[in-house]
Amino acid sequence: MQSAGSPMALAVLLTLLSAAMDVKASGEYCHGWRDPQGAWRDGFQCPERYDAAEAIICCGKCELRYCCSSTEARLDQGTCDNDKKSREESGAGHDEGKNSGAEDTLNHQHE
């Protein structure tokens, strides 16, 4: 004999399973930086759309950042000094102040 609650439980279970499949793992955030030619490069969340799903670590050098899966290649972004926009580029400091708190939080989480 089947209880009246079974179809409802099955519907809830299917809803939870489909929601879980839509959730993607989030990797590190590679901060924006100034490249050797002086151009500002926007930051990005790993993995980027063309990266493998396991490329969740910000890697490379301060001058060229990319997503990878190797912990040995992880970039310690706290040692980089080329990741601050000038006040003129960031809209007289409005964006700079907004982003610095989030970056500080991320930096402290990884320390």
C-alpha atoms as a PDB file:
ATOM      1  CA  MET A   1       0.000   0.000   0.000  1.00  0.00           C
ATOM      2  CA  GLN A   2       1.292   3.437  -0.958  1.00  0.00           C
ATOM      3  CA  SER A   3       0.795   6.441   1.295  1.00  0.00           C
ATOM      4  CA  ALA A   4      -0.773   9.647  -0.001  1.00  0.00           C
ATOM      5  CA  GLY A   5       2.456  11.550   0.735  1.00  0.00           C
ATOM      6  CA  SER A   6       4.616   9.554  -1.703  1.00  0.00           C
ATOM      7  CA  PRO A   7       3.808  11.531  -4.894  1.00  0.00           C
ATOM      8  CA  MET A   8       4.530  14.757  -3.044  1.00  0.00           C
ATOM      9  CA  ALA A   9       7.810  13.410  -1.664  1.00  0.00           C
ATOM     10  CA  LEU A  10       8.808  12.264  -5.146  1.00  0.00           C
ATOM     11  CA  ALA A  11       8.029  15.715  -6.587  1.00  0.00           C
ATOM     12  CA  VAL A  12      10.128  17.407  -3.887  1.00  0.00           C
ATOM     13  CA  LEU A  13      12.999  14.994  -4.457  1.00  0.00           C
ATOM     14  CA  LEU A  14      12.962  15.569  -8.225  1.00  0.00           C
ATOM     15  CA  THR A  15      12.892  19.342  -7.720  1.00  0.00           C
ATOM     16  CA  LEU A  16      15.878  19.217  -5.371  1.00  0.00           C
ATOM     17  CA  LEU A  17      17.833  16.962  -7.714  1.00  0.00           C
ATOM     18  CA  SER A  18      17.237  19.201 -10.715  1.00  0.00           C
ATOM     19  CA  ALA A  19      18.242  22.281  -8.713  1.00  0.00           C
ATOM     20  CA  ALA A  20      21.431  20.563  -7.545  1.00  0.00           C
ATOM     21  CA  MET A  21      22.404  19.773 -11.128  1.00  0.00           C
ATOM     22  CA  ASP A  22      22.077  23.451 -12.099  1.00  0.00           C
ATOM     23  CA  VAL A  23      24.480  24.629  -9.375  1.00  0.00           C
ATOM     24  CA  LYS A  24      28.028  25.158 -10.604  1.00  0.00           C
ATOM     25  CA  ALA A  25      31.077  25.111  -8.370  1.00  0.00           C
ATOM     26  CA  SER A  26      32.646  28.536  -8.097  1.00  0.00           C
ATOM     27  CA  GLY A  27      36.382  28.993  -8.198  1.00  0.00           C
ATOM     28  CA  GLU A  28      38.739  31.782  -7.263  1.00  0.00           C
ATOM     29  CA  TYR A  29      38.461  35.321  -8.563  1.00  0.00           C
ATOM     30  CA  CYS A  30      41.477  36.575 -10.526  1.00  0.00           C
ATOM     31  CA  HIS A  31      41.705  40.284  -9.708  1.00  0.00           C
ATOM     32  CA  GLY A  32      42.051  42.841 -12.477  1.00  0.00           C
ATOM     33  CA  TRP A  33      45.607  43.972 -13.245  1.00  0.00           C
ATOM     34  CA  ARG A  34      47.715  46.355 -15.293  1.00  0.00           C
ATOM     35  CA  ASP A  35      49.705  44.486 -17.952  1.00  0.00           C
ATOM     36  CA  PRO A  36      53.338  45.319 -18.891  1.00  0.00           C
ATOM     37  CA  GLN A  37      52.095  47.628 -21.687  1.00  0.00           C
ATOM     38  CA  GLY A  38      50.069  49.644 -19.167  1.00  0.00           C
ATOM     39  CA  ALA A  39      46.619  48.396 -20.272  1.00  0.00           C
ATOM     40  CA  TRP A  40      44.075  47.537 -17.578  1.00  0.00           C
ATOM     41  CA  ARG A  41      42.814  43.925 -17.716  1.00  0.00           C
ATOM     42  CA  ASP A  42      39.501  43.221 -15.995  1.00  0.00           C
ATOM     43  CA  GLY A  43      39.339  40.506 -13.379  1.00  0.00           C
ATOM     44  CA  PHE A  44      37.353  37.308 -13.892  1.00  0.00           C
ATOM     45  CA  GLN A  45      35.831  34.382 -12.036  1.00  0.00           C
ATOM     46  CA  CYS A  46      37.374  30.941 -12.553  1.00  0.00           C
ATOM     47  CA  PRO A  47      36.599  28.886 -14.454  1.00  0.00           C
ATOM     48  CA  GLU A  48      35.933  31.088 -17.470  1.00  0.00           C
ATOM     49  CA  ARG A  49      33.579  29.808 -20.170  1.00  0.00           C
ATOM     50  CA  TYR A  50      36.376  28.281 -22.263  1.00  0.00           C
ATOM     51  CA  ASP A  51      38.186  26.649 -19.306  1.00  0.00           C
ATOM     52  CA  ALA A  52      37.738  23.087 -18.119  1.00  0.00           C
ATOM     53  CA  ALA A  53      35.341  22.768 -15.173  1.00  0.00           C
ATOM     54  CA  GLU A  54      38.213  21.883 -12.831  1.00  0.00           C
ATOM     55  CA  ALA A  55      40.161  25.095 -13.657  1.00  0.00           C
ATOM     56  CA  ILE A  56      39.032  26.856 -10.481  1.00  0.00           C
ATOM     57  CA  ILE A  57      42.377  28.327  -9.344  1.00  0.00           C
ATOM     58  CA  CYS A  58      43.802  31.715 -10.375  1.00  0.00           C
ATOM     59  CA  CYS A  59      47.254  30.922 -11.786  1.00  0.00           C
ATOM     60  CA  GLY A  60      50.075  32.562 -13.690  1.00  0.00           C
ATOM     61  CA  LYS A  61      52.059  35.678 -12.871  1.00  0.00           C
ATOM     62  CA  CYS A  62      50.999  39.096 -11.679  1.00  0.00           C
ATOM     63  CA  GLU A  63      51.357  40.315 -15.284  1.00  0.00           C
ATOM     64  CA  LEU A  64      49.314  37.469 -16.882  1.00  0.00           C
ATOM     65  CA  ARG A  65      46.612  35.595 -15.003  1.00  0.00           C
ATOM     66  CA  TYR A  66      44.571  32.581 -16.070  1.00  0.00           C
ATOM     67  CA  CYS A  67      42.508  29.760 -14.588  1.00  0.00           C
ATOM     68  CA  CYS A  68      44.028  26.330 -14.003  1.00  0.00           C
ATOM     69  CA  SER A  69      43.585  23.270 -11.828  1.00  0.00           C
ATOM     70  CA  SER A  70      47.142  23.025 -10.477  1.00  0.00           C
ATOM     71  CA  THR A  71      47.611  24.127  -6.875  1.00  0.00           C
ATOM     72  CA  GLU A  72      51.351  24.321  -7.564  1.00  0.00           C
ATOM     73  CA  ALA A  73      50.747  27.012 -10.217  1.00  0.00           C
ATOM     74  CA  ARG A  74      48.406  29.084  -8.008  1.00  0.00           C
ATOM     75  CA  LEU A  75      49.145  32.805  -8.074  1.00  0.00           C
ATOM     76  CA  ASP A  76      49.371  34.456  -4.653  1.00  0.00           C
ATOM     77  CA  GLN A  77      47.578  37.632  -5.734  1.00  0.00           C
ATOM     78  CA  GLY A  78      48.412  39.299  -2.430  1.00  0.00           C
ATOM     79  CA  THR A  79      52.011  39.694  -3.616  1.00  0.00           C
ATOM     80  CA  CYS A  80      51.004  41.573  -6.802  1.00  0.00           C
ATOM     81  CA  ASP A  81      51.304  45.360  -6.882  1.00  0.00           C
ATOM     82  CA  ASN A  82      49.783  45.919 -10.343  1.00  0.00           C
ATOM     83  CA  ASP A  83      46.151  45.260  -9.421  1.00  0.00           C
ATOM     84  CA  LYS A  84      45.029  48.723  -8.383  1.00  0.00           C
ATOM     85  CA  LYS A  85      43.321  51.099 -10.813  1.00  0.00           C
ATOM     86  CA  SER A  86      44.147  54.776 -10.570  1.00  0.00           C
ATOM     87  CA  ARG A  87      41.427  57.020  -9.136  1.00  0.00           C
ATOM     88  CA  GLU A  88      40.768  58.574 -12.570  1.00  0.00           C
ATOM     89  CA  GLU A  89      40.141  55.192 -14.210  1.00  0.00           C
ATOM     90  CA  SER A  90      37.842  53.947 -11.478  1.00  0.00           C
ATOM     91  CA  GLY A  91      35.441  56.906 -11.610  1.00  0.00           C
ATOM     92  CA  ALA A  92      37.080  59.131  -8.971  1.00  0.00           C
ATOM     93  CA  GLY A  93      37.319  56.292  -6.478  1.00  0.00           C
ATOM     94  CA  HIS A  94      33.707  55.098  -6.546  1.00  0.00           C
ATOM     95  CA  ASP A  95      34.460  51.670  -7.997  1.00  0.00           C
ATOM     96  CA  GLU A  96      37.761  51.354  -6.159  1.00  0.00           C
ATOM     97  CA  GLY A  97      36.123  51.620  -2.747  1.00  0.00           C
ATOM     98  CA  LYS A  98      33.290  49.281  -3.692  1.00  0.00           C
ATOM     99  CA  ASN A  99      35.604  46.522  -4.928  1.00  0.00           C
ATOM    100  CA  SER A 100      38.340  46.806  -2.332  1.00  0.00           C
ATOM    101  CA  GLY A 101      36.159  45.461   0.478  1.00  0.00           C
ATOM    102  CA  ALA A 102      35.225  42.365  -1.498  1.00  0.00           C
ATOM    103  CA  GLU A 103      38.834  41.826  -2.551  1.00  0.00           C
ATOM    104  CA  ASP A 104      40.015  42.181   1.033  1.00  0.00           C
ATOM    105  CA  THR A 105      37.433  39.618   2.128  1.00  0.00           C
ATOM    106  CA  LEU A 106      38.556  37.196  -0.585  1.00  0.00           C
ATOM    107  CA  ASN A 107      42.210  37.736   0.297  1.00  0.00           C
ATOM    108  CA  HIS A 108      41.579  37.011   3.979  1.00  0.00           C
ATOM    109  CA  GLN A 109      39.643  33.848   3.145  1.00  0.00           C
ATOM    110  CA  HIS A 110      42.623  32.436   1.263  1.00  0.00           C
ATOM    111  CA  GLU A 111      45.280  33.389   3.832  1.00  0.00           C
END
